[in-house]
Amino acid sequence: MPVVRNGKVVDDAWENVADDAPVPDDKPAIVSLARWHNERATLGPRSAPLGVRLRSSESATEIAADLERFALVVLEFPKFNDGRGFSAARLLRERYKFKGEIRASGHLIRDQLQFLARCGVDSLDAPDASWAEKWRIAEAEISVVFQPAADARRPALALRHLPRAAQ
């Protein structure tokens, strides 16, 4: 499955590790939240980057104290109409100031791509490489936003008070 990051298909160096499989010491690995809780003492000091996978029923609050140990947080979307991953991404970026990569994985539809980016998601597990173009189109599709979000875009009300040249 290709990974799309910022509108481009990229090589995925990360290995998804099942709970009963050994975690490789020499390559980036993604573990479940349950495994992180059970093996924190051995997983924390490893030299290769570590990622954690959150199911939609698991809260970003559960990893808030450990975020400096993760280079990647994968948010699972089991159904396209389950929006808890959007909230988790915003919490990670805005409340917990997570600077690492946030990846969406699971059942997503093209209409959600711009909103994922606005919530702080950098990448997604894409069904195929065509999603890179879908990501680029989605980001450019709406030029004015009304609500503030985790991205740097200024909402319409803030733009009203700027000189025309600064917009």
C-alpha atoms as a PDB file:
ATOM      1  CA  MET A   1       0.000   0.000   0.000  1.00  0.00           C
ATOM      2  CA  PRO A   2       1.552   3.321  -0.999  1.00  0.00           C
ATOM      3  CA  VAL A   3       1.963   6.189   1.440  1.00  0.00           C
ATOM      4  CA  VAL A   4       1.000   9.676   0.301  1.00  0.00           C
ATOM      5  CA  ARG A   5       2.748  12.493   2.144  1.00  0.00           C
ATOM      6  CA  ASN A   6       2.032  16.110   1.282  1.00  0.00           C
ATOM      7  CA  GLY A   7       0.639  15.152  -2.124  1.00  0.00           C
ATOM      8  CA  LYS A   8       3.448  12.804  -3.156  1.00  0.00           C
ATOM      9  CA  VAL A   9       3.836   9.032  -3.105  1.00  0.00           C
ATOM     10  CA  VAL A  10       6.799   8.253  -0.850  1.00  0.00           C
ATOM     11  CA  ASP A  11       8.680   5.151   0.188  1.00  0.00           C
ATOM     12  CA  ASP A  12       7.415   3.857   3.501  1.00  0.00           C
ATOM     13  CA  ALA A  13      10.298   2.914   5.754  1.00  0.00           C
ATOM     14  CA  TRP A  14       7.930   1.985   8.582  1.00  0.00           C
ATOM     15  CA  GLU A  15       7.083  -1.609   9.461  1.00  0.00           C
ATOM     16  CA  ASN A  16       3.700  -2.380  11.015  1.00  0.00           C
ATOM     17  CA  VAL A  17       4.442  -4.886  13.760  1.00  0.00           C
ATOM     18  CA  ALA A  18       1.753  -7.277  14.997  1.00  0.00           C
ATOM     19  CA  ASP A  19       1.392  -7.582  18.757  1.00  0.00           C
ATOM     20  CA  ASP A  20       2.818 -11.105  18.748  1.00  0.00           C
ATOM     21  CA  ALA A  21       5.728 -10.388  16.348  1.00  0.00           C
ATOM     22  CA  PRO A  22       9.216  -9.253  17.350  1.00  0.00           C
ATOM     23  CA  VAL A  23       9.941  -5.537  16.973  1.00  0.00           C
ATOM     24  CA  PRO A  24      12.981  -4.965  14.731  1.00  0.00           C
ATOM     25  CA  ASP A  25      15.761  -3.032  16.454  1.00  0.00           C
ATOM     26  CA  ASP A  26      17.211  -1.477  13.315  1.00  0.00           C
ATOM     27  CA  LYS A  27      14.212  -0.079  11.414  1.00  0.00           C
ATOM     28  CA  PRO A  28      11.258   2.208  12.134  1.00  0.00           C
ATOM     29  CA  ALA A  29       8.413   0.223  13.664  1.00  0.00           C
ATOM     30  CA  ILE A  30       4.740   0.910  14.377  1.00  0.00           C
ATOM     31  CA  VAL A  31       3.170  -0.812  17.384  1.00  0.00           C
ATOM     32  CA  SER A  32      -0.339  -0.835  18.797  1.00  0.00           C
ATOM     33  CA  LEU A  33      -1.256   1.269  21.811  1.00  0.00           C
ATOM     34  CA  ALA A  34      -1.811  -1.922  23.826  1.00  0.00           C
ATOM     35  CA  ARG A  35       1.685  -3.135  22.988  1.00  0.00           C
ATOM     36  CA  TRP A  36       3.153   0.259  23.871  1.00  0.00           C
ATOM     37  CA  HIS A  37       1.465   0.112  27.286  1.00  0.00           C
ATOM     38  CA  ASN A  38       2.668  -3.459  27.886  1.00  0.00           C
ATOM     39  CA  GLU A  39       6.256  -3.014  26.630  1.00  0.00           C
ATOM     40  CA  ARG A  40       7.009   0.651  27.308  1.00  0.00           C
ATOM     41  CA  ALA A  41      10.187  -0.178  29.242  1.00  0.00           C
ATOM     42  CA  THR A  42      11.750  -2.121  26.356  1.00  0.00           C
ATOM     43  CA  LEU A  43      10.335  -0.117  23.434  1.00  0.00           C
ATOM     44  CA  GLY A  44      11.107   3.354  24.801  1.00  0.00           C
ATOM     45  CA  PRO A  45      14.925   3.283  24.712  1.00  0.00           C
ATOM     46  CA  ARG A  46      15.327   1.705  21.255  1.00  0.00           C
ATOM     47  CA  SER A  47      17.503   3.566  18.752  1.00  0.00           C
ATOM     48  CA  ALA A  48      15.272   3.258  15.651  1.00  0.00           C
ATOM     49  CA  PRO A  49      12.195   5.510  15.354  1.00  0.00           C
ATOM     50  CA  LEU A  50       8.985   4.269  16.933  1.00  0.00           C
ATOM     51  CA  GLY A  51       5.400   4.840  15.857  1.00  0.00           C
ATOM     52  CA  VAL A  52       2.138   4.046  17.595  1.00  0.00           C
ATOM     53  CA  ARG A  53      -1.191   3.058  16.048  1.00  0.00           C
ATOM     54  CA  LEU A  54      -4.398   4.383  17.612  1.00  0.00           C
ATOM     55  CA  ARG A  55      -7.713   2.731  16.853  1.00  0.00           C
ATOM     56  CA  SER A  56     -10.640   5.134  16.582  1.00  0.00           C
ATOM     57  CA  SER A  57     -11.824   4.026  20.029  1.00  0.00           C
ATOM     58  CA  GLU A  58      -8.473   4.980  21.604  1.00  0.00           C
ATOM     59  CA  SER A  59      -7.811   8.545  22.681  1.00  0.00           C
ATOM     60  CA  ALA A  60      -4.824  10.739  21.847  1.00  0.00           C
ATOM     61  CA  THR A  61      -4.809  11.605  25.556  1.00  0.00           C
ATOM     62  CA  GLU A  62      -3.552   8.072  26.257  1.00  0.00           C
ATOM     63  CA  ILE A  63      -0.206   8.851  24.579  1.00  0.00           C
ATOM     64  CA  ALA A  64       0.078  12.553  25.442  1.00  0.00           C
ATOM     65  CA  ALA A  65       2.735  12.024  28.128  1.00  0.00           C
ATOM     66  CA  ASP A  66       4.816   9.825  25.805  1.00  0.00           C
ATOM     67  CA  LEU A  67       4.648  11.812  22.544  1.00  0.00           C
ATOM     68  CA  GLU A  68       8.347  12.723  22.608  1.00  0.00           C
ATOM     69  CA  ARG A  69       9.093   9.016  22.142  1.00  0.00           C
ATOM     70  CA  PHE A  70       7.108   8.732  18.897  1.00  0.00           C
ATOM     71  CA  ALA A  71       8.113   9.898  15.435  1.00  0.00           C
ATOM     72  CA  LEU A  72       4.771   8.771  13.964  1.00  0.00           C
ATOM     73  CA  VAL A  73       1.186   8.396  15.133  1.00  0.00           C
ATOM     74  CA  VAL A  74      -1.125   6.376  12.878  1.00  0.00           C
ATOM     75  CA  LEU A  75      -4.825   7.117  13.285  1.00  0.00           C
ATOM     76  CA  GLU A  76      -7.166   4.380  12.125  1.00  0.00           C
ATOM     77  CA  PHE A  77     -10.401   5.207  10.324  1.00  0.00           C
ATOM     78  CA  PRO A  78     -12.509   2.009  10.359  1.00  0.00           C
ATOM     79  CA  LYS A  79     -15.365   3.670   8.414  1.00  0.00           C
ATOM     80  CA  PHE A  80     -15.428   6.869   6.387  1.00  0.00           C
ATOM     81  CA  ASN A  81     -18.112   8.298   8.688  1.00  0.00           C
ATOM     82  CA  ASP A  82     -16.107   7.775  11.894  1.00  0.00           C
ATOM     83  CA  GLY A  83     -14.669  11.225  12.573  1.00  0.00           C
ATOM     84  CA  ARG A  84     -12.802  10.525  15.806  1.00  0.00           C
ATOM     85  CA  GLY A  85      -9.472  10.471  13.937  1.00  0.00           C
ATOM     86  CA  PHE A  86      -9.978  14.106  12.918  1.00  0.00           C
ATOM     87  CA  SER A  87     -10.392  15.081  16.574  1.00  0.00           C
ATOM     88  CA  ALA A  88      -7.375  13.026  17.593  1.00  0.00           C
ATOM     89  CA  ALA A  89      -5.206  14.722  14.958  1.00  0.00           C
ATOM     90  CA  ARG A  90      -6.228  18.193  16.141  1.00  0.00           C
ATOM     91  CA  LEU A  91      -5.563  17.275  19.760  1.00  0.00           C
ATOM     92  CA  LEU A  92      -2.136  15.945  18.865  1.00  0.00           C
ATOM     93  CA  ARG A  93      -1.192  19.111  16.945  1.00  0.00           C
ATOM     94  CA  GLU A  94      -2.906  21.841  18.935  1.00  0.00           C
ATOM     95  CA  ARG A  95      -3.120  20.690  22.550  1.00  0.00           C
ATOM     96  CA  TYR A  96      -0.126  18.363  22.758  1.00  0.00           C
ATOM     97  CA  LYS A  97       2.113  20.186  20.203  1.00  0.00           C
ATOM     98  CA  PHE A  98       3.118  16.941  18.472  1.00  0.00           C
ATOM     99  CA  LYS A  99       5.649  17.757  15.744  1.00  0.00           C
ATOM    100  CA  GLY A 100       6.044  14.260  14.292  1.00  0.00           C
ATOM    101  CA  GLU A 101       4.156  12.685  11.425  1.00  0.00           C
ATOM    102  CA  ILE A 102       0.439  11.940  11.736  1.00  0.00           C
ATOM    103  CA  ARG A 103      -0.817   9.330   9.276  1.00  0.00           C
ATOM    104  CA  ALA A 104      -4.411   8.400   8.469  1.00  0.00           C
ATOM    105  CA  SER A 105      -5.113   4.771   7.704  1.00  0.00           C
ATOM    106  CA  GLY A 106      -8.255   2.889   6.812  1.00  0.00           C
ATOM    107  CA  HIS A 107     -11.472   3.722   5.052  1.00  0.00           C
ATOM    108  CA  LEU A 108     -11.205   7.292   3.782  1.00  0.00           C
ATOM    109  CA  ILE A 109     -12.902   9.054   0.925  1.00  0.00           C
ATOM    110  CA  ARG A 110     -11.484  11.750  -1.318  1.00  0.00           C
ATOM    111  CA  ASP A 111     -13.788  14.435   0.148  1.00  0.00           C
ATOM    112  CA  GLN A 112     -12.042  14.079   3.514  1.00  0.00           C
ATOM    113  CA  LEU A 113      -8.503  14.781   2.314  1.00  0.00           C
ATOM    114  CA  GLN A 114      -8.485  18.550   2.762  1.00  0.00           C
ATOM    115  CA  PHE A 115     -10.003  18.205   6.214  1.00  0.00           C
ATOM    116  CA  LEU A 116      -7.374  15.647   7.182  1.00  0.00           C
ATOM    117  CA  ALA A 117      -4.642  18.100   6.190  1.00  0.00           C
ATOM    118  CA  ARG A 118      -6.371  20.948   8.059  1.00  0.00           C
ATOM    119  CA  CYS A 119      -6.487  18.790  11.206  1.00  0.00           C
ATOM    120  CA  GLY A 120      -2.744  18.130  11.048  1.00  0.00           C
ATOM    121  CA  VAL A 121      -2.515  14.841   9.153  1.00  0.00           C
ATOM    122  CA  ASP A 122       0.631  14.747   6.977  1.00  0.00           C
ATOM    123  CA  SER A 123       0.241  11.387   5.283  1.00  0.00           C
ATOM    124  CA  LEU A 124      -2.095   8.522   4.565  1.00  0.00           C
ATOM    125  CA  ASP A 125      -2.008   4.869   3.692  1.00  0.00           C
ATOM    126  CA  ALA A 126      -3.482   5.131   0.212  1.00  0.00           C
ATOM    127  CA  PRO A 127      -5.252   2.369  -1.715  1.00  0.00           C
ATOM    128  CA  ASP A 128      -3.196   3.291  -4.800  1.00  0.00           C
ATOM    129  CA  ALA A 129      -0.839   5.944  -6.174  1.00  0.00           C
ATOM    130  CA  SER A 130      -3.685   7.997  -7.680  1.00  0.00           C
ATOM    131  CA  TRP A 131      -4.377   9.332  -4.201  1.00  0.00           C
ATOM    132  CA  ALA A 132      -1.337  11.620  -4.469  1.00  0.00           C
ATOM    133  CA  GLU A 133      -3.098  13.614  -7.177  1.00  0.00           C
ATOM    134  CA  LYS A 134      -6.349  13.497  -5.199  1.00  0.00           C
ATOM    135  CA  TRP A 135      -4.483  14.953  -2.184  1.00  0.00           C
ATOM    136  CA  ARG A 136      -3.000  17.804  -4.275  1.00  0.00           C
ATOM    137  CA  ILE A 137      -6.371  18.664  -5.824  1.00  0.00           C
ATOM    138  CA  ALA A 138      -8.145  18.543  -2.461  1.00  0.00           C
ATOM    139  CA  GLU A 139      -5.662  20.915  -0.827  1.00  0.00           C
ATOM    140  CA  ALA A 140      -6.145  23.519  -3.567  1.00  0.00           C
ATOM    141  CA  GLU A 141      -9.890  23.086  -3.931  1.00  0.00           C
ATOM    142  CA  ILE A 142     -11.122  25.475  -1.232  1.00  0.00           C
ATOM    143  CA  SER A 143      -9.317  28.798  -1.160  1.00  0.00           C
ATOM    144  CA  VAL A 144     -11.020  30.425   1.840  1.00  0.00           C
ATOM    145  CA  VAL A 145     -11.757  28.668   5.115  1.00  0.00           C
ATOM    146  CA  PHE A 146     -14.078  29.814   7.881  1.00  0.00           C
ATOM    147  CA  GLN A 147     -12.828  27.939  10.922  1.00  0.00           C
ATOM    148  CA  PRO A 148      -9.340  27.966  12.420  1.00  0.00           C
ATOM    149  CA  ALA A 149      -7.662  24.563  12.397  1.00  0.00           C
ATOM    150  CA  ALA A 150      -4.296  22.917  13.011  1.00  0.00           C
ATOM    151  CA  ASP A 151      -2.941  24.169   9.692  1.00  0.00           C
ATOM    152  CA  ALA A 152      -1.549  27.674   9.122  1.00  0.00           C
ATOM    153  CA  ARG A 153      -4.436  28.925   6.961  1.00  0.00           C
ATOM    154  CA  ARG A 154      -6.112  32.084   8.174  1.00  0.00           C
ATOM    155  CA  PRO A 155      -9.893  31.998   8.438  1.00  0.00           C
ATOM    156  CA  ALA A 156     -12.004  34.442   6.404  1.00  0.00           C
ATOM    157  CA  LEU A 157     -12.686  36.735   9.359  1.00  0.00           C
ATOM    158  CA  ALA A 158      -8.952  37.225   9.967  1.00  0.00           C
ATOM    159  CA  LEU A 159      -8.423  37.964   6.278  1.00  0.00           C
ATOM    160  CA  ARG A 160     -11.034  40.748   6.358  1.00  0.00           C
ATOM    161  CA  HIS A 161      -8.821  42.787   8.665  1.00  0.00           C
ATOM    162  CA  LEU A 162      -5.642  42.506   6.583  1.00  0.00           C
ATOM    163  CA  PRO A 163      -4.606  44.945   3.883  1.00  0.00           C
ATOM    164  CA  ARG A 164      -5.404  43.516   0.426  1.00  0.00           C
ATOM    165  CA  ALA A 165      -1.697  42.962  -0.387  1.00  0.00           C
ATOM    166  CA  ALA A 166      -1.162  40.744   2.692  1.00  0.00           C
ATOM    167  CA  GLN A 167      -3.987  38.356   1.803  1.00  0.00           C
END
